[in-house]
């Protein structure tokens, strides 16, 4: 009898010991990575982070009752950070790709993107073929790099950690074109680049952004549920229209 009671007590103590770290971990705010140099998805304005991705995650976190803190970082450090589980989630205009899906998990798609060419206002560049032999800026670790290497091997690629610096290089005439995500180049062309640069052509379509997580993360179904609810109640559409000037098609 005493042995049975002692065994039960020991078992209960072990369970409580094992459960304690999990409870503590659950109390910690999630570390959510973002590349804050990707207008209009995430950027810093008046000392605060804002953008479509930032506000979408705020809405998701509120809907799912998630506590979090933002972790700004370079885009090419996000996937490794998820792999080592030093971050819990990431929104940074991350294209859902087969190679990435092998090492991280993705939410349901939340934005359809693609690539476009940004060129000086007087440029005659219109298609990918026109980029052959030209100096083209791309952002390190992105689909733009992969596309250019596979489809325009004759182009001279200039890699940038921050796409804003690529835009400055283009505006000052140091490069011939920028190849980057369509919504980002369109936003720049109609704001800071107005009258200096133009979007001259679409290179690729059918790409989708997803929220990324470490492999096996329990957050994936939680976030997908919240995302679905935000689309159903109209919150997603309002955010989309705020940042892109139209409702999603």
Protein backbone atom coordinates (compact mmCIF):
# COMPACT_ATOMS: atom_id res chain seq x y z
CA UNK A 1 0.00 0.00 0.00
CA UNK A 2 2.71 2.42 1.06
CA UNK A 3 4.77 1.42 -1.97
CA UNK A 4 1.83 2.11 -4.31
CA UNK A 5 1.22 5.51 -2.74
CA UNK A 6 4.92 6.35 -2.96
CA UNK A 7 5.00 5.29 -6.59
CA UNK A 8 1.97 7.47 -7.38
CA UNK A 9 3.54 10.42 -5.60
CA UNK A 10 6.83 9.96 -7.46
CA UNK A 11 5.01 9.66 -10.78
CA UNK A 12 2.98 12.80 -10.07
CA UNK A 13 6.15 14.67 -9.14
CA UNK A 14 7.84 13.60 -12.38
CA UNK A 15 4.85 14.69 -14.45
CA UNK A 16 4.79 18.08 -12.73
CA UNK A 17 8.53 18.49 -13.27
CA UNK A 18 8.25 17.69 -16.96
CA UNK A 19 5.20 19.92 -17.38
CA UNK A 20 6.71 22.94 -15.66
CA UNK A 21 9.13 23.96 -18.44
CA UNK A 22 6.35 23.61 -21.04
CA UNK A 23 4.05 25.85 -19.01
CA UNK A 24 6.81 28.40 -18.60
CA UNK A 25 7.60 28.28 -22.32
CA UNK A 26 3.92 28.83 -23.13
CA UNK A 27 3.97 31.99 -21.00
CA UNK A 28 6.81 33.50 -23.01
CA UNK A 29 5.86 35.81 -25.89
CA UNK A 30 6.47 34.35 -29.33
CA UNK A 31 9.49 35.70 -31.19
CA UNK A 32 8.21 36.78 -34.61
CA UNK A 33 10.87 37.72 -37.15
CA UNK A 34 10.37 40.29 -39.88
CA UNK A 35 12.56 42.07 -42.41
CA UNK A 36 11.62 45.70 -41.81
CA UNK A 37 12.91 47.00 -45.12
CA UNK A 38 10.15 45.66 -47.34
CA UNK A 39 7.62 48.40 -48.04
CA UNK A 40 4.60 48.18 -47.94
CA UNK A 41 4.69 44.87 -46.04
CA UNK A 42 6.98 45.79 -43.17
CA UNK A 43 8.89 48.97 -42.49
CA UNK A 44 9.58 51.53 -39.77
CA UNK A 45 7.65 54.78 -39.77
CA UNK A 46 7.73 57.44 -37.08
CA UNK A 47 9.63 55.08 -34.78
CA UNK A 48 7.10 52.24 -35.12
CA UNK A 49 6.91 49.13 -37.28
CA UNK A 50 3.99 49.05 -39.66
CA UNK A 51 2.91 47.60 -43.01
CA UNK A 52 0.56 44.95 -44.32
CA UNK A 53 2.44 42.01 -42.76
CA UNK A 54 2.82 43.78 -39.41
CA UNK A 55 -0.85 44.67 -39.16
CA UNK A 56 -1.96 41.29 -40.44
CA UNK A 57 0.07 39.56 -37.73
CA UNK A 58 -1.35 41.95 -35.12
CA UNK A 59 -4.84 40.89 -36.20
CA UNK A 60 -3.92 37.19 -36.21
CA UNK A 61 -2.36 37.44 -32.75
CA UNK A 62 -5.44 39.21 -31.39
CA UNK A 63 -7.77 36.66 -32.99
CA UNK A 64 -5.79 33.70 -31.63
CA UNK A 65 -4.86 35.35 -28.31
CA UNK A 66 -1.13 35.10 -28.94
CA UNK A 67 1.49 37.17 -27.15
CA UNK A 68 4.55 38.09 -29.21
CA UNK A 69 7.47 40.41 -29.78
CA UNK A 70 8.84 41.42 -33.17
CA UNK A 71 12.42 40.54 -34.07
CA UNK A 72 13.73 42.63 -37.00
CA UNK A 73 16.44 40.82 -38.97
CA UNK A 74 17.96 40.44 -42.43
CA UNK A 75 15.85 38.31 -44.74
CA UNK A 76 18.58 35.73 -45.36
CA UNK A 77 18.78 35.00 -41.62
CA UNK A 78 15.11 34.14 -41.22
CA UNK A 79 15.04 30.56 -42.54
CA UNK A 80 18.17 29.57 -40.53
CA UNK A 81 16.58 31.18 -37.45
CA UNK A 82 13.45 29.08 -37.92
CA UNK A 83 15.53 25.95 -38.42
CA UNK A 84 17.36 26.48 -35.14
CA UNK A 85 14.07 27.48 -33.46
CA UNK A 86 15.55 30.73 -32.19
CA UNK A 87 12.43 32.35 -33.67
CA UNK A 88 8.86 31.04 -33.54
CA UNK A 89 7.38 32.55 -36.70
CA UNK A 90 8.26 34.93 -39.52
CA UNK A 91 6.47 37.31 -41.86
CA UNK A 92 8.67 39.01 -44.42
CA UNK A 93 7.10 38.51 -47.82
CA UNK A 94 8.36 34.91 -47.71
CA UNK A 95 7.51 33.10 -50.93
CA UNK A 96 6.26 29.55 -50.41
CA UNK A 97 8.76 27.39 -52.27
CA UNK A 98 9.36 23.67 -52.39
CA UNK A 99 12.95 23.94 -51.17
CA UNK A 100 11.91 26.10 -48.22
CA UNK A 101 8.97 23.82 -47.37
CA UNK A 102 11.48 21.02 -46.82
CA UNK A 103 13.06 22.85 -43.89
CA UNK A 104 10.25 25.04 -42.49
CA UNK A 105 6.47 24.87 -42.29
CA UNK A 106 4.18 27.44 -43.90
CA UNK A 107 0.75 28.79 -43.13
CA UNK A 108 -1.92 28.89 -45.80
CA UNK A 109 -1.02 31.47 -48.49
CA UNK A 110 -2.03 35.01 -47.58
CA UNK A 111 -0.80 37.07 -50.56
CA UNK A 112 -0.22 36.37 -54.27
CA UNK A 113 2.98 38.02 -55.45
CA UNK A 114 5.31 37.61 -58.43
CA UNK A 115 8.34 39.41 -59.84
CA UNK A 116 8.59 42.61 -61.84
CA UNK A 117 11.26 44.74 -63.50
CA UNK A 118 11.88 48.24 -62.19
CA UNK A 119 13.83 50.47 -64.58
CA UNK A 120 14.62 54.18 -65.07
CA UNK A 121 11.81 56.26 -66.53
CA UNK A 122 13.60 56.60 -69.90
CA UNK A 123 14.68 52.94 -70.10
CA UNK A 124 13.74 50.74 -73.05
CA UNK A 125 13.90 47.56 -70.92
CA UNK A 126 10.58 45.71 -71.06
CA UNK A 127 11.21 41.96 -70.81
CA UNK A 128 13.59 39.50 -69.20
CA UNK A 129 15.42 39.19 -72.53
CA UNK A 130 16.24 42.90 -72.37
CA UNK A 131 18.14 42.32 -69.12
CA UNK A 132 20.83 40.23 -70.82
CA UNK A 133 24.19 41.93 -70.35
CA UNK A 134 22.68 44.56 -68.03
CA UNK A 135 23.57 45.23 -64.39
CA UNK A 136 20.54 44.11 -62.39
CA UNK A 137 19.97 44.52 -58.66
CA UNK A 138 18.36 41.71 -56.69
CA UNK A 139 17.90 41.06 -53.00
CA UNK A 140 20.05 38.35 -51.41
CA UNK A 141 18.24 35.08 -50.67
CA UNK A 142 15.10 35.85 -52.67
CA UNK A 143 13.21 34.36 -55.61
CA UNK A 144 14.54 37.21 -57.75
CA UNK A 145 18.07 35.84 -57.48
CA UNK A 146 16.95 32.33 -58.45
CA UNK A 147 14.89 33.60 -61.38
CA UNK A 148 17.68 35.71 -62.85
CA UNK A 149 20.30 32.97 -62.54
CA UNK A 150 18.01 30.45 -64.22
CA UNK A 151 16.51 32.66 -66.92
CA UNK A 152 18.95 35.48 -67.62
CA UNK A 153 22.44 34.06 -66.95
CA UNK A 154 24.01 36.83 -69.04
CA UNK A 155 22.88 39.55 -66.64
CA UNK A 156 25.37 41.03 -64.17
CA UNK A 157 23.73 40.59 -60.78
CA UNK A 158 24.37 43.03 -57.98
CA UNK A 159 23.24 41.64 -54.63
CA UNK A 160 21.75 43.78 -51.87
CA UNK A 161 20.82 42.89 -48.31
CA UNK A 162 18.35 45.78 -48.29
CA UNK A 163 16.17 46.37 -51.36
CA UNK A 164 15.86 50.08 -50.51
CA UNK A 165 19.56 50.45 -51.30
CA UNK A 166 18.95 48.82 -54.68
CA UNK A 167 16.25 51.38 -55.42
CA UNK A 168 18.67 54.19 -54.57
CA UNK A 169 21.29 52.69 -56.89
CA UNK A 170 18.70 52.63 -59.67
CA UNK A 171 17.53 56.20 -59.04
CA UNK A 172 21.12 57.46 -59.22
CA UNK A 173 21.87 55.57 -62.45
CA UNK A 174 24.43 53.10 -61.09
CA UNK A 175 22.47 50.03 -62.28
CA UNK A 176 20.18 49.29 -65.21
CA UNK A 177 17.26 47.64 -63.43
CA UNK A 178 15.92 46.00 -60.27
CA UNK A 179 14.11 42.64 -60.25
CA UNK A 180 12.06 42.15 -57.12
CA UNK A 181 8.60 41.31 -55.78
CA UNK A 182 5.84 43.03 -57.75
CA UNK A 183 3.98 44.78 -54.90
CA UNK A 184 7.21 46.19 -53.50
CA UNK A 185 8.46 47.69 -56.77
CA UNK A 186 4.98 48.99 -57.64
CA UNK A 187 4.77 50.77 -54.29
CA UNK A 188 8.18 52.36 -54.75
CA UNK A 189 7.40 53.42 -58.33
CA UNK A 190 4.28 55.32 -57.27
CA UNK A 191 5.78 56.86 -54.11
CA UNK A 192 9.47 57.73 -53.62
CA UNK A 193 10.39 56.71 -57.17
CA UNK A 194 7.58 58.57 -58.93
CA UNK A 195 8.89 60.34 -62.04
CA UNK A 196 12.29 58.62 -61.77
CA UNK A 197 11.54 54.93 -62.30
CA UNK A 198 8.81 52.72 -63.74
CA UNK A 199 7.60 49.11 -63.57
CA UNK A 200 8.23 47.82 -67.06
CA UNK A 201 7.23 44.19 -67.02
CA UNK A 202 6.11 41.13 -65.10
CA UNK A 203 8.54 38.21 -65.01
CA UNK A 204 6.80 35.57 -62.97
CA UNK A 205 3.34 34.98 -61.53
CA UNK A 206 1.68 32.45 -59.28
CA UNK A 207 3.99 33.01 -56.30
CA UNK A 208 2.38 33.20 -52.86
CA UNK A 209 3.60 34.51 -49.52
CA UNK A 210 3.14 32.43 -46.37
CA UNK A 211 3.91 32.83 -42.69
CA UNK A 212 6.85 30.57 -41.87
CA UNK A 213 7.38 28.41 -38.77
CA UNK A 214 9.89 25.84 -37.51
CA UNK A 215 9.17 22.33 -38.73
CA UNK A 216 6.43 20.67 -36.69
CA UNK A 217 5.27 23.92 -35.07
CA UNK A 218 1.93 23.69 -33.27
CA UNK A 219 1.27 27.28 -34.29
CA UNK A 220 0.48 26.40 -37.91
CA UNK A 221 -3.15 25.24 -37.40
CA UNK A 222 -3.73 28.01 -34.85
CA UNK A 223 -2.60 30.70 -37.28
CA UNK A 224 -4.44 29.14 -40.23
CA UNK A 225 -7.67 29.15 -38.22
CA UNK A 226 -7.22 32.81 -37.25
CA UNK A 227 -6.35 33.76 -40.84
CA UNK A 228 -9.48 32.03 -42.13
CA UNK A 229 -11.60 33.87 -39.55
CA UNK A 230 -10.09 37.24 -40.49
CA UNK A 231 -10.93 36.61 -44.14
CA UNK A 232 -14.47 35.63 -43.21
CA UNK A 233 -15.16 38.65 -41.00
CA UNK A 234 -13.76 41.22 -43.46
CA UNK A 235 -10.67 42.23 -41.47
CA UNK A 236 -8.28 40.83 -44.07
CA UNK A 237 -10.02 42.68 -46.92
CA UNK A 238 -9.85 45.99 -45.03
CA UNK A 239 -6.12 45.62 -44.39
CA UNK A 240 -5.49 44.63 -48.00
CA UNK A 241 -7.38 47.65 -49.32
CA UNK A 242 -5.56 49.96 -46.90
CA UNK A 243 -2.12 48.93 -48.16
CA UNK A 244 -2.76 48.06 -51.82
CA UNK A 245 -5.59 50.43 -52.73
CA UNK A 246 -7.99 47.69 -53.80
CA UNK A 247 -9.72 44.61 -52.47
CA UNK A 248 -8.13 41.19 -53.14
CA UNK A 249 -9.30 39.55 -56.33
